[in-house]
Amino acid sequence: MSWLIRDRRFVHFTILLLLLISVMGPWTFDRIHVPAEYACEAPFVRLDGDFCGLPMSWLALFTWFTDGFLITLQRLISNSLAGQARELFGVLVVMMPVLPLITTFLRAWRKNSIRLQTIHLIAWGLGCLFPLFILLSEWSGQLLRLWGVCLYLLLGAGALIAEITIGREQKLPMDRAL
């Protein structure tokens, strides 16, 4: 496992590239009601009895929620935010998968430190919460069509294992840092 330490920068850039691919892949379906007697036209796929779905990437979700965030921010500034706290919370939850992108980039360019490694592990933990929720809520026969969220979660598990291995190989006191 010493190659992880020797090629740490390469490993982080590979994870970063795969992360970018995963956020462009399908994460969920935009469901529409189409009675079963009618066919779902491409790019829609039949999900359940009377529903078709359009695969949506995390980037599509992010832009969808970002529009709401800008409106919520404008209302916050003008003090007319009554009842909009859910939208603000929703945007923050959708933005969590960005955290590992930022910390992976920092880990590739900056010197190794216990603080950055701890922040990176926490970012992966928080970043995997929203994809895990999506995966559990979309649990059906369509799971393989959501390869973007599956890749993200596999990368999260692999990155956590790699970071803990790097910390142990470098004799960083990971137990005290966490």
N, C-alpha and C. Protein backbone atom coordinates (compact mmCIF):
# COMPACT_ATOMS: atom_id res chain seq x y z
N MET A 1 0.80 -1.20 0.00
CA MET A 1 0.00 0.00 0.00
C MET A 1 0.85 1.27 0.00
N SER A 2 2.15 1.12 -0.06
CA SER A 2 3.00 2.31 -0.07
C SER A 2 2.84 3.12 -1.36
N TRP A 3 2.29 2.51 -2.41
CA TRP A 3 2.06 3.23 -3.65
C TRP A 3 1.00 4.32 -3.45
N LEU A 4 0.10 4.13 -2.47
CA LEU A 4 -0.88 5.17 -2.18
C LEU A 4 -0.21 6.45 -1.70
N ILE A 5 0.82 6.29 -0.90
CA ILE A 5 1.54 7.46 -0.40
C ILE A 5 2.41 8.05 -1.50
N ARG A 6 3.11 7.18 -2.23
CA ARG A 6 4.01 7.64 -3.28
C ARG A 6 3.24 8.36 -4.40
N ASP A 7 2.10 7.81 -4.78
CA ASP A 7 1.30 8.37 -5.87
C ASP A 7 0.03 9.05 -5.35
N ARG A 8 0.13 9.67 -4.20
CA ARG A 8 -1.02 10.29 -3.56
C ARG A 8 -1.70 11.31 -4.46
N ARG A 9 -0.94 12.13 -5.12
CA ARG A 9 -1.50 13.15 -6.00
C ARG A 9 -2.25 12.52 -7.18
N PHE A 10 -1.66 11.48 -7.76
CA PHE A 10 -2.32 10.77 -8.86
C PHE A 10 -3.64 10.14 -8.40
N VAL A 11 -3.62 9.53 -7.20
CA VAL A 11 -4.83 8.91 -6.66
C VAL A 11 -5.91 9.96 -6.46
N HIS A 12 -5.55 11.12 -5.90
CA HIS A 12 -6.54 12.17 -5.67
C HIS A 12 -7.09 12.74 -6.98
N PHE A 13 -6.24 12.91 -7.98
CA PHE A 13 -6.74 13.41 -9.26
C PHE A 13 -7.61 12.37 -9.97
N THR A 14 -7.31 11.09 -9.80
CA THR A 14 -8.15 10.05 -10.36
C THR A 14 -9.52 10.05 -9.69
N ILE A 15 -9.54 10.18 -8.37
CA ILE A 15 -10.81 10.26 -7.64
C ILE A 15 -11.58 11.51 -8.08
N LEU A 16 -10.88 12.62 -8.25
CA LEU A 16 -11.53 13.86 -8.69
C LEU A 16 -12.16 13.69 -10.07
N LEU A 17 -11.44 13.06 -10.98
CA LEU A 17 -11.99 12.83 -12.32
C LEU A 17 -13.22 11.93 -12.27
N LEU A 18 -13.15 10.85 -11.50
CA LEU A 18 -14.29 9.96 -11.37
C LEU A 18 -15.47 10.64 -10.67
N LEU A 19 -15.17 11.55 -9.74
CA LEU A 19 -16.24 12.32 -9.10
C LEU A 19 -16.96 13.20 -10.12
N LEU A 20 -16.19 13.84 -10.97
CA LEU A 20 -16.80 14.69 -11.99
C LEU A 20 -17.66 13.87 -12.95
N ILE A 21 -17.21 12.67 -13.29
CA ILE A 21 -18.01 11.79 -14.14
C ILE A 21 -19.29 11.37 -13.41
N SER A 22 -19.17 11.07 -12.12
CA SER A 22 -20.35 10.60 -11.38
C SER A 22 -21.41 11.69 -11.24
N VAL A 23 -21.02 12.95 -11.07
CA VAL A 23 -22.03 14.01 -10.93
C VAL A 23 -22.71 14.33 -12.26
N MET A 24 -22.12 13.89 -13.36
CA MET A 24 -22.75 14.07 -14.67
C MET A 24 -23.66 12.90 -15.04
N GLY A 25 -23.53 11.79 -14.32
CA GLY A 25 -24.37 10.63 -14.58
C GLY A 25 -25.72 10.75 -13.90
N PRO A 26 -26.64 9.85 -14.21
CA PRO A 26 -27.99 9.93 -13.63
C PRO A 26 -28.01 9.62 -12.13
N TRP A 27 -28.71 10.48 -11.38
CA TRP A 27 -28.84 10.32 -9.94
C TRP A 27 -30.27 10.01 -9.52
N THR A 28 -31.22 10.50 -10.26
CA THR A 28 -32.62 10.30 -9.92
C THR A 28 -33.47 10.43 -11.17
N PHE A 29 -34.76 10.25 -11.02
CA PHE A 29 -35.68 10.38 -12.15
C PHE A 29 -36.65 11.52 -11.87
N ASP A 30 -36.89 12.32 -12.88
CA ASP A 30 -37.97 13.31 -12.83
C ASP A 30 -39.22 12.57 -13.29
N ARG A 31 -40.09 12.25 -12.35
CA ARG A 31 -41.25 11.40 -12.64
C ARG A 31 -42.40 12.20 -13.24
N ILE A 32 -43.04 11.59 -14.22
CA ILE A 32 -44.27 12.15 -14.78
C ILE A 32 -45.29 11.03 -14.89
N HIS A 33 -46.55 11.41 -14.76
CA HIS A 33 -47.62 10.41 -14.83
C HIS A 33 -47.96 10.15 -16.29
N VAL A 34 -47.77 8.91 -16.72
CA VAL A 34 -48.15 8.45 -18.06
C VAL A 34 -48.89 7.14 -17.87
N PRO A 35 -50.17 7.11 -18.20
CA PRO A 35 -50.92 5.86 -18.02
C PRO A 35 -50.23 4.68 -18.71
N ALA A 36 -50.40 3.51 -18.13
CA ALA A 36 -49.69 2.31 -18.58
C ALA A 36 -49.99 1.95 -20.03
N GLU A 37 -51.16 2.34 -20.54
CA GLU A 37 -51.48 1.97 -21.92
C GLU A 37 -50.69 2.78 -22.95
N TYR A 38 -50.03 3.86 -22.51
CA TYR A 38 -49.21 4.66 -23.41
C TYR A 38 -47.74 4.34 -23.19
N ALA A 39 -46.98 4.36 -24.25
CA ALA A 39 -45.55 4.07 -24.15
C ALA A 39 -44.78 5.30 -23.69
N CYS A 40 -43.67 5.05 -23.06
CA CYS A 40 -42.76 6.13 -22.68
C CYS A 40 -41.78 6.33 -23.83
N GLU A 41 -41.73 7.53 -24.34
CA GLU A 41 -40.83 7.84 -25.45
C GLU A 41 -39.45 8.19 -24.88
N ALA A 42 -38.41 7.88 -25.63
CA ALA A 42 -37.04 8.22 -25.22
C ALA A 42 -36.94 9.73 -25.09
N PRO A 43 -36.27 10.25 -24.15
CA PRO A 43 -35.35 9.66 -23.17
C PRO A 43 -36.03 9.19 -21.89
N PHE A 44 -37.36 9.20 -21.83
CA PHE A 44 -38.08 8.73 -20.65
C PHE A 44 -38.03 7.20 -20.59
N VAL A 45 -38.07 6.68 -19.37
CA VAL A 45 -38.11 5.24 -19.16
C VAL A 45 -39.29 4.91 -18.26
N ARG A 46 -39.88 3.74 -18.46
CA ARG A 46 -41.01 3.29 -17.63
C ARG A 46 -40.47 2.91 -16.26
N LEU A 47 -41.01 3.52 -15.21
CA LEU A 47 -40.57 3.23 -13.85
C LEU A 47 -41.53 2.27 -13.15
N ASP A 48 -42.70 2.74 -12.86
CA ASP A 48 -43.71 1.93 -12.21
C ASP A 48 -45.00 2.10 -13.00
N GLY A 49 -45.86 1.13 -12.96
CA GLY A 49 -47.16 1.15 -13.61
C GLY A 49 -47.49 2.38 -14.43
N ASP A 50 -47.87 3.45 -13.79
CA ASP A 50 -48.33 4.65 -14.49
C ASP A 50 -47.31 5.79 -14.48
N PHE A 51 -46.06 5.50 -14.28
CA PHE A 51 -45.06 6.57 -14.22
C PHE A 51 -43.89 6.31 -15.15
N CYS A 52 -43.48 7.38 -15.81
CA CYS A 52 -42.25 7.37 -16.60
C CYS A 52 -41.30 8.34 -15.91
N GLY A 53 -40.04 8.23 -16.22
CA GLY A 53 -39.08 9.12 -15.59
C GLY A 53 -37.99 9.54 -16.55
N LEU A 54 -37.55 10.77 -16.37
CA LEU A 54 -36.44 11.32 -17.13
C LEU A 54 -35.22 11.29 -16.21
N PRO A 55 -34.16 10.57 -16.56
CA PRO A 55 -32.97 10.54 -15.70
C PRO A 55 -32.38 11.94 -15.54
N MET A 56 -32.05 12.29 -14.29
CA MET A 56 -31.48 13.60 -13.97
C MET A 56 -30.13 13.42 -13.30
N SER A 57 -29.16 14.18 -13.74
CA SER A 57 -27.83 14.14 -13.12
C SER A 57 -27.84 15.03 -11.87
N TRP A 58 -26.77 14.92 -11.09
CA TRP A 58 -26.65 15.80 -9.92
C TRP A 58 -26.53 17.24 -10.39
N LEU A 59 -25.87 17.47 -11.52
CA LEU A 59 -25.76 18.84 -12.03
C LEU A 59 -27.13 19.42 -12.34
N ALA A 60 -28.03 18.62 -12.90
CA ALA A 60 -29.40 19.09 -13.16
C ALA A 60 -30.11 19.40 -11.86
N LEU A 61 -29.95 18.52 -10.86
CA LEU A 61 -30.55 18.78 -9.55
C LEU A 61 -29.99 20.06 -8.94
N PHE A 62 -28.68 20.22 -9.07
CA PHE A 62 -28.03 21.39 -8.49
C PHE A 62 -28.54 22.68 -9.13
N THR A 63 -28.65 22.71 -10.46
CA THR A 63 -29.15 23.93 -11.11
C THR A 63 -30.62 24.16 -10.77
N TRP A 64 -31.38 23.09 -10.63
CA TRP A 64 -32.78 23.20 -10.26
C TRP A 64 -32.93 23.83 -8.88
N PHE A 65 -32.13 23.35 -7.91
CA PHE A 65 -32.20 23.89 -6.56
C PHE A 65 -31.51 25.25 -6.44
N THR A 66 -30.52 25.51 -7.25
CA THR A 66 -29.83 26.80 -7.20
C THR A 66 -30.75 27.94 -7.61
N ASP A 67 -31.61 27.69 -8.59
CA ASP A 67 -32.58 28.72 -8.96
C ASP A 67 -33.45 29.07 -7.76
N GLY A 68 -33.90 28.07 -7.03
CA GLY A 68 -34.69 28.31 -5.82
C GLY A 68 -33.88 29.00 -4.75
N PHE A 69 -32.59 28.68 -4.68
CA PHE A 69 -31.73 29.31 -3.68
C PHE A 69 -31.59 30.81 -3.94
N LEU A 70 -31.44 31.18 -5.20
CA LEU A 70 -31.30 32.60 -5.51
C LEU A 70 -32.57 33.37 -5.17
N ILE A 71 -33.72 32.78 -5.44
CA ILE A 71 -34.98 33.42 -5.08
C ILE A 71 -35.10 33.51 -3.56
N THR A 72 -34.73 32.44 -2.85
CA THR A 72 -34.79 32.44 -1.40
C THR A 72 -33.82 33.46 -0.82
N LEU A 73 -32.65 33.58 -1.40
CA LEU A 73 -31.67 34.57 -0.94
C LEU A 73 -32.20 35.99 -1.14
N GLN A 74 -32.84 36.24 -2.27
CA GLN A 74 -33.44 37.55 -2.52
C GLN A 74 -34.52 37.84 -1.49
N ARG A 75 -35.34 36.84 -1.15
CA ARG A 75 -36.39 37.04 -0.14
C ARG A 75 -35.79 37.24 1.24
N LEU A 76 -34.67 36.58 1.50
CA LEU A 76 -34.00 36.75 2.79
C LEU A 76 -33.50 38.18 2.94
N ILE A 77 -32.95 38.72 1.87
CA ILE A 77 -32.44 40.09 1.89
C ILE A 77 -33.59 41.10 2.06
N SER A 78 -34.71 40.82 1.41
CA SER A 78 -35.84 41.75 1.47
C SER A 78 -36.79 41.46 2.64
N ASN A 79 -36.39 40.56 3.55
CA ASN A 79 -37.16 40.20 4.74
C ASN A 79 -38.55 39.64 4.45
N SER A 80 -38.71 38.94 3.37
CA SER A 80 -39.99 38.29 3.09
C SER A 80 -39.79 36.79 2.97
N LEU A 81 -39.06 36.23 3.92
CA LEU A 81 -38.66 34.82 3.86
C LEU A 81 -39.65 33.88 4.55
N ALA A 82 -40.76 34.36 4.99
CA ALA A 82 -41.70 33.53 5.76
C ALA A 82 -41.99 32.21 5.06
N GLY A 83 -41.68 31.12 5.73
CA GLY A 83 -41.97 29.79 5.21
C GLY A 83 -41.01 29.27 4.17
N GLN A 84 -39.87 29.91 3.95
CA GLN A 84 -38.93 29.48 2.92
C GLN A 84 -37.71 28.75 3.47
N ALA A 85 -37.72 28.44 4.74
CA ALA A 85 -36.56 27.79 5.35
C ALA A 85 -36.32 26.41 4.77
N ARG A 86 -37.38 25.70 4.37
CA ARG A 86 -37.21 24.37 3.78
C ARG A 86 -36.42 24.43 2.48
N GLU A 87 -36.68 25.46 1.67
CA GLU A 87 -35.96 25.59 0.40
C GLU A 87 -34.48 25.84 0.65
N LEU A 88 -34.17 26.68 1.62
CA LEU A 88 -32.78 26.96 1.95
C LEU A 88 -32.09 25.70 2.46
N PHE A 89 -32.76 24.93 3.30
CA PHE A 89 -32.21 23.67 3.79
C PHE A 89 -32.02 22.68 2.64
N GLY A 90 -32.98 22.64 1.71
CA GLY A 90 -32.88 21.74 0.56
C GLY A 90 -31.67 22.04 -0.30
N VAL A 91 -31.40 23.31 -0.50
CA VAL A 91 -30.23 23.70 -1.30
C VAL A 91 -28.95 23.29 -0.60
N LEU A 92 -28.88 23.47 0.70
CA LEU A 92 -27.69 23.08 1.45
C LEU A 92 -27.46 21.57 1.39
N VAL A 93 -28.53 20.80 1.46
CA VAL A 93 -28.41 19.34 1.38
C VAL A 93 -27.94 18.92 -0.01
N VAL A 94 -28.49 19.53 -1.05
CA VAL A 94 -28.09 19.19 -2.42
C VAL A 94 -26.64 19.58 -2.68
N MET A 95 -26.16 20.61 -2.00
CA MET A 95 -24.78 21.07 -2.22
C MET A 95 -23.74 20.23 -1.47
N MET A 96 -24.17 19.36 -0.57
CA MET A 96 -23.21 18.55 0.20
C MET A 96 -22.27 17.71 -0.67
N PRO A 97 -22.72 17.13 -1.79
CA PRO A 97 -21.77 16.36 -2.60
C PRO A 97 -20.64 17.18 -3.20
N VAL A 98 -20.70 18.50 -3.11
CA VAL A 98 -19.61 19.34 -3.60
C VAL A 98 -18.43 19.30 -2.62
N LEU A 99 -18.70 19.07 -1.36
CA LEU A 99 -17.64 19.10 -0.34
C LEU A 99 -16.48 18.17 -0.67
N PRO A 100 -16.72 16.90 -1.02
CA PRO A 100 -15.58 16.03 -1.36
C PRO A 100 -14.82 16.50 -2.61
N LEU A 101 -15.52 17.15 -3.55
CA LEU A 101 -14.81 17.68 -4.72
C LEU A 101 -13.79 18.73 -4.29
N ILE A 102 -14.20 19.61 -3.40
CA ILE A 102 -13.31 20.68 -2.93
C ILE A 102 -12.16 20.11 -2.11
N THR A 103 -12.47 19.23 -1.17
CA THR A 103 -11.41 18.72 -0.30
C THR A 103 -10.47 17.76 -1.04
N THR A 104 -10.98 17.03 -2.03
CA THR A 104 -10.09 16.16 -2.82
C THR A 104 -9.12 17.01 -3.61
N PHE A 105 -9.60 18.12 -4.17
CA PHE A 105 -8.72 19.03 -4.90
C PHE A 105 -7.66 19.61 -3.95
N LEU A 106 -8.08 20.01 -2.75
CA LEU A 106 -7.11 20.54 -1.78
C LEU A 106 -6.10 19.48 -1.36
N ARG A 107 -6.57 18.24 -1.17
CA ARG A 107 -5.66 17.16 -0.77
C ARG A 107 -4.64 16.87 -1.87
N ALA A 108 -5.02 17.07 -3.13
CA ALA A 108 -4.09 16.81 -4.23
C ALA A 108 -3.01 17.89 -4.31
N TRP A 109 -3.34 19.11 -3.98
CA TRP A 109 -2.41 20.22 -4.16
C TRP A 109 -1.67 20.64 -2.91
N ARG A 110 -2.24 20.41 -1.76
CA ARG A 110 -1.60 20.88 -0.53
C ARG A 110 -0.81 19.77 0.13
N LYS A 111 0.04 20.18 1.03
CA LYS A 111 0.81 19.20 1.79
C LYS A 111 -0.11 18.43 2.72
N ASN A 112 0.28 17.21 3.02
CA ASN A 112 -0.54 16.35 3.87
C ASN A 112 -0.52 16.87 5.30
N SER A 113 -1.69 17.05 5.88
CA SER A 113 -1.78 17.46 7.27
C SER A 113 -2.95 16.72 7.92
N ILE A 114 -2.86 16.58 9.22
CA ILE A 114 -3.92 15.88 9.95
C ILE A 114 -5.23 16.64 9.83
N ARG A 115 -5.17 17.96 9.94
CA ARG A 115 -6.38 18.77 9.88
C ARG A 115 -7.09 18.62 8.53
N LEU A 116 -6.33 18.71 7.45
CA LEU A 116 -6.93 18.59 6.12
C LEU A 116 -7.48 17.18 5.89
N GLN A 117 -6.76 16.18 6.38
CA GLN A 117 -7.23 14.81 6.23
C GLN A 117 -8.52 14.59 7.03
N THR A 118 -8.61 15.16 8.21
CA THR A 118 -9.83 15.05 9.02
C THR A 118 -10.99 15.76 8.34
N ILE A 119 -10.75 16.95 7.83
CA ILE A 119 -11.79 17.70 7.12
C ILE A 119 -12.24 16.91 5.88
N HIS A 120 -11.29 16.29 5.21
CA HIS A 120 -11.60 15.50 4.02
C HIS A 120 -12.48 14.30 4.37
N LEU A 121 -12.17 13.62 5.45
CA LEU A 121 -12.99 12.48 5.88
C LEU A 121 -14.40 12.92 6.27
N ILE A 122 -14.51 14.04 6.96
CA ILE A 122 -15.82 14.57 7.33
C ILE A 122 -16.60 14.99 6.09
N ALA A 123 -15.90 15.61 5.13
CA ALA A 123 -16.56 16.03 3.89
C ALA A 123 -17.11 14.83 3.13
N TRP A 124 -16.35 13.74 3.10
CA TRP A 124 -16.86 12.53 2.43
C TRP A 124 -18.07 11.97 3.16
N GLY A 125 -18.02 11.98 4.48
CA GLY A 125 -19.17 11.50 5.25
C GLY A 125 -20.41 12.33 4.98
N LEU A 126 -20.28 13.65 5.01
CA LEU A 126 -21.42 14.52 4.73
C LEU A 126 -21.84 14.44 3.26
N GLY A 127 -20.85 14.35 2.38
CA GLY A 127 -21.14 14.30 0.95
C GLY A 127 -21.88 13.05 0.53
N CYS A 128 -21.74 11.97 1.27
CA CYS A 128 -22.42 10.72 0.92
C CYS A 128 -23.83 10.61 1.49
N LEU A 129 -24.23 11.53 2.36
CA LEU A 129 -25.56 11.46 2.96
C LEU A 129 -26.67 11.65 1.92
N PHE A 130 -26.58 12.70 1.11
CA PHE A 130 -27.61 12.98 0.11
C PHE A 130 -27.67 11.87 -0.96
N PRO A 131 -26.54 11.43 -1.52
CA PRO A 131 -26.62 10.32 -2.48
C PRO A 131 -27.18 9.03 -1.87
N LEU A 132 -26.85 8.77 -0.62
CA LEU A 132 -27.38 7.58 0.03
C LEU A 132 -28.90 7.69 0.19
N PHE A 133 -29.38 8.86 0.54
CA PHE A 133 -30.82 9.10 0.64
C PHE A 133 -31.49 8.88 -0.72
N ILE A 134 -30.88 9.41 -1.77
CA ILE A 134 -31.44 9.23 -3.12
C ILE A 134 -31.46 7.75 -3.49
N LEU A 135 -30.37 7.05 -3.23
CA LEU A 135 -30.30 5.64 -3.59
C LEU A 135 -31.36 4.83 -2.85
N LEU A 136 -31.55 5.12 -1.58
CA LEU A 136 -32.55 4.39 -0.81
C LEU A 136 -33.97 4.75 -1.24
N SER A 137 -34.20 5.99 -1.63
CA SER A 137 -35.54 6.39 -2.05
C SER A 137 -35.88 5.88 -3.45
N GLU A 138 -34.88 5.64 -4.28
CA GLU A 138 -35.10 5.14 -5.63
C GLU A 138 -34.89 3.64 -5.74
N TRP A 139 -34.84 2.95 -4.60
CA TRP A 139 -34.56 1.52 -4.59
C TRP A 139 -35.66 0.77 -5.32
N SER A 140 -35.35 0.33 -6.50
CA SER A 140 -36.31 -0.43 -7.31
C SER A 140 -35.55 -1.16 -8.39
N GLY A 141 -36.24 -1.66 -9.37
CA GLY A 141 -35.59 -2.36 -10.47
C GLY A 141 -34.79 -1.43 -11.37
N GLN A 142 -34.92 -0.13 -11.17
CA GLN A 142 -34.23 0.86 -12.00
C GLN A 142 -32.88 1.27 -11.42
N LEU A 143 -32.41 0.56 -10.41
CA LEU A 143 -31.21 0.97 -9.69
C LEU A 143 -29.98 1.07 -10.59
N LEU A 144 -29.80 0.14 -11.52
CA LEU A 144 -28.62 0.18 -12.38
C LEU A 144 -28.64 1.36 -13.35
N ARG A 145 -29.81 1.91 -13.60
CA ARG A 145 -29.88 3.09 -14.47
C ARG A 145 -29.38 4.33 -13.76
N LEU A 146 -29.26 4.27 -12.45
CA LEU A 146 -28.74 5.40 -11.67
C LEU A 146 -27.26 5.19 -11.36
N TRP A 147 -26.48 4.99 -12.41
CA TRP A 147 -25.07 4.67 -12.22
C TRP A 147 -24.27 5.84 -11.64
N GLY A 148 -24.73 7.07 -11.82
CA GLY A 148 -24.00 8.23 -11.30
C GLY A 148 -23.95 8.24 -9.79
N VAL A 149 -25.09 8.02 -9.15
CA VAL A 149 -25.14 8.02 -7.69
C VAL A 149 -24.43 6.78 -7.14
N CYS A 150 -24.54 5.66 -7.83
CA CYS A 150 -23.83 4.44 -7.39
C CYS A 150 -22.31 4.64 -7.46
N LEU A 151 -21.83 5.24 -8.55
CA LEU A 151 -20.40 5.52 -8.69
C LEU A 151 -19.93 6.47 -7.60
N TYR A 152 -20.73 7.48 -7.29
CA TYR A 152 -20.37 8.45 -6.25
C TYR A 152 -20.21 7.74 -4.90
N LEU A 153 -21.17 6.89 -4.55
CA LEU A 153 -21.10 6.19 -3.27
C LEU A 153 -19.95 5.19 -3.22
N LEU A 154 -19.68 4.51 -4.33
CA LEU A 154 -18.53 3.61 -4.37
C LEU A 154 -17.22 4.39 -4.23
N LEU A 155 -17.15 5.54 -4.88
CA LEU A 155 -15.97 6.39 -4.72
C LEU A 155 -15.82 6.88 -3.29
N GLY A 156 -16.96 7.20 -2.66
CA GLY A 156 -16.91 7.64 -1.27
C GLY A 156 -16.35 6.56 -0.37
N ALA A 157 -16.82 5.33 -0.54
CA ALA A 157 -16.31 4.22 0.27
C ALA A 157 -14.83 3.98 -0.03
N GLY A 158 -14.46 3.99 -1.32
CA GLY A 158 -13.06 3.79 -1.68
C GLY A 158 -12.16 4.90 -1.18
N ALA A 159 -12.63 6.14 -1.26
CA ALA A 159 -11.82 7.27 -0.80
C ALA A 159 -11.64 7.22 0.71
N LEU A 160 -12.68 6.85 1.44
CA LEU A 160 -12.53 6.73 2.90
C LEU A 160 -11.52 5.66 3.27
N ILE A 161 -11.58 4.53 2.58
CA ILE A 161 -10.62 3.45 2.84
C ILE A 161 -9.21 3.90 2.48
N ALA A 162 -9.06 4.56 1.32
CA ALA A 162 -7.74 5.04 0.89
C ALA A 162 -7.18 6.08 1.86
N GLU A 163 -8.02 7.01 2.32
CA GLU A 163 -7.53 8.05 3.24
C GLU A 163 -7.12 7.47 4.58
N ILE A 164 -7.89 6.51 5.07
CA ILE A 164 -7.52 5.88 6.34
C ILE A 164 -6.24 5.08 6.18
N THR A 165 -6.08 4.41 5.03
CA THR A 165 -4.86 3.65 4.76
C THR A 165 -3.66 4.58 4.64
N ILE A 166 -3.82 5.70 3.93
CA ILE A 166 -2.74 6.67 3.81
C ILE A 166 -2.35 7.20 5.19
N GLY A 167 -3.34 7.50 6.02
CA GLY A 167 -3.07 8.01 7.37
C GLY A 167 -2.32 6.99 8.21
N ARG A 168 -2.71 5.75 8.10
CA ARG A 168 -2.04 4.71 8.89
C ARG A 168 -0.62 4.44 8.37
N GLU A 169 -0.44 4.48 7.06
CA GLU A 169 0.89 4.25 6.47
C GLU A 169 1.85 5.38 6.83
N GLN A 170 1.33 6.59 6.88
CA GLN A 170 2.18 7.74 7.19
C GLN A 170 2.32 7.97 8.69
N LYS A 171 1.71 7.11 9.45
CA LYS A 171 1.76 7.19 10.91
C LYS A 171 1.14 8.48 11.43
N LEU A 172 0.12 8.99 10.71
CA LEU A 172 -0.63 10.12 11.22
C LEU A 172 -1.58 9.61 12.29
N PRO A 173 -1.68 10.30 13.39
CA PRO A 173 -2.56 9.81 14.46
C PRO A 173 -4.03 10.03 14.10
N MET A 174 -4.57 9.17 13.23
CA MET A 174 -5.95 9.29 12.77
C MET A 174 -6.94 9.14 13.92
N ASP A 175 -6.62 8.28 14.89
CA ASP A 175 -7.56 8.04 15.98
C ASP A 175 -7.75 9.31 16.82
N ARG A 176 -6.67 10.06 17.01
CA ARG A 176 -6.79 11.30 17.77
C ARG A 176 -7.46 12.39 16.95
N ALA A 177 -7.25 12.38 15.62
CA ALA A 177 -7.82 13.42 14.76
C ALA A 177 -9.33 13.29 14.67
N LEU A 178 -9.84 12.09 14.71
CA LEU A 178 -11.28 11.89 14.62
C LEU A 178 -11.89 11.97 15.99
